[in-house]
Protein backbone atom coordinates (compact mmCIF):
# COMPACT_ATOMS: atom_id res chain seq x y z
CA MET A 1 4.55 1.61 14.95
CA GLY A 2 5.98 -0.99 12.61
CA TYR A 3 2.89 -3.16 12.07
CA ALA A 4 1.27 -3.98 8.76
CA PRO A 5 -2.02 -2.30 7.77
CA ILE A 6 -5.21 -4.16 8.69
CA SER A 7 -8.41 -4.80 6.75
CA LEU A 8 -11.72 -5.34 8.53
CA LYS A 9 -15.13 -6.32 7.24
CA SER A 10 -18.35 -5.10 8.82
CA GLY A 11 -18.76 -6.65 12.27
CA GLU A 12 -15.14 -7.82 12.60
CA ARG A 13 -13.16 -6.78 15.66
CA PHE A 14 -9.51 -5.93 16.12
CA SER A 15 -7.60 -5.17 19.28
CA CYS A 16 -4.33 -3.38 20.06
CA THR A 17 -2.65 -2.98 23.43
CA PHE A 18 -0.07 -0.26 24.04
CA GLU A 19 2.45 0.28 26.81
CA MET A 20 4.15 3.58 27.54
CA THR A 21 6.94 4.66 29.83
CA LEU A 22 5.55 7.79 31.44
CA ASN A 23 8.31 10.28 32.27
CA LEU A 24 5.90 13.05 33.19
CA GLY A 25 6.26 16.25 35.12
CA GLY A 26 3.43 17.52 37.27
CA GLY A 27 0.23 18.39 35.46
CA THR A 28 -2.93 17.05 33.88
CA TYR A 29 -2.60 14.82 30.82
CA TYR A 30 -5.40 13.83 28.44
CA LEU A 31 -4.96 10.62 26.45
CA GLY A 32 -6.86 10.08 23.23
CA VAL A 33 -7.17 7.64 20.36
CA VAL A 34 -7.59 8.34 16.65
CA LEU A 35 -8.34 5.78 13.94
CA HIS A 36 -6.74 7.34 10.85
CA ARG A 37 -6.72 6.09 7.26
CA PHE A 38 -3.44 7.29 5.80
CA ASN A 39 -4.07 6.58 2.11
CA VAL A 40 -6.93 9.13 2.05
CA GLN A 41 -5.66 11.25 4.97
CA LYS A 42 -8.95 10.93 6.86
CA ASP A 43 -9.79 10.36 10.53
CA LEU A 44 -12.37 7.55 10.70
CA ASP A 45 -13.02 7.71 14.44
CA ARG A 46 -11.76 9.65 17.45
CA LEU A 47 -12.07 9.27 21.22
CA PHE A 48 -10.72 12.25 23.14
CA PRO A 49 -10.20 12.31 25.98
CA ALA A 50 -10.12 8.55 26.42
CA ALA A 51 -8.52 8.92 29.84
CA THR A 52 -7.16 11.66 32.08
CA ILE A 53 -4.08 11.39 34.27
CA PHE A 54 -3.13 13.89 36.97
CA VAL A 55 0.47 13.90 38.21
CA GLY A 56 1.30 15.85 41.36
CA SER A 57 4.88 17.06 41.72
CA GLU A 58 6.73 19.44 44.02
CA PRO A 59 9.41 20.63 41.58
CA SER A 60 8.16 22.29 38.42
CA VAL A 61 9.52 20.58 35.30
CA ARG A 62 8.73 21.71 31.77
CA GLY A 63 9.53 20.39 28.32
CA ALA A 64 8.63 17.79 25.72
CA VAL A 65 7.63 14.31 26.82
CA ASN A 66 8.59 11.13 24.97
CA THR A 67 6.49 8.23 26.29
CA TYR A 68 8.42 5.56 24.33
CA PRO A 69 5.22 3.81 23.17
CA LYS A 70 5.27 0.16 22.14
CA MET A 71 2.52 -2.19 21.05
CA THR A 72 2.30 -5.36 23.13
CA ALA A 73 -0.73 -7.01 21.47
CA PHE A 74 -1.92 -6.70 17.88
CA GLY A 75 -4.57 -8.82 16.19
CA PRO A 76 -8.10 -10.22 16.38
CA PRO A 77 -9.25 -10.55 20.01
CA SER A 78 -9.32 -14.37 19.82
CA GLU A 79 -5.64 -14.47 18.82
CA ILE A 80 -4.65 -11.98 21.52
CA GLU A 81 -6.48 -13.93 24.26
CA SER A 82 -4.79 -17.22 23.25
CA THR A 83 -1.40 -15.46 23.30
CA LYS A 84 -2.07 -14.04 26.78
CA GLU A 85 -3.12 -17.49 28.05
CA ALA A 86 0.07 -19.06 26.65
CA ILE A 87 2.22 -16.38 28.34
CA GLU A 88 0.48 -16.89 31.69
CA LEU A 89 1.12 -20.67 31.60
């Protein structure tokens, strides 16, 4: 998503926040998360489903969904919290 790779040592934490525009037709959607290391093509961790969304709709709509994802926070939790506090002020 346009961000540089990260390196973490044992015990370090990192946080990312995503926003999506959900243009969804009726149905059940399962959201998941995968931590993938691209240089060795290996999944390091996976959480699926992480959340489930049900959308009720009268008309039946089918087709591909683009959620236009964007990352709104990226970094160590302490940096993200200070950024949020600055925005709220």
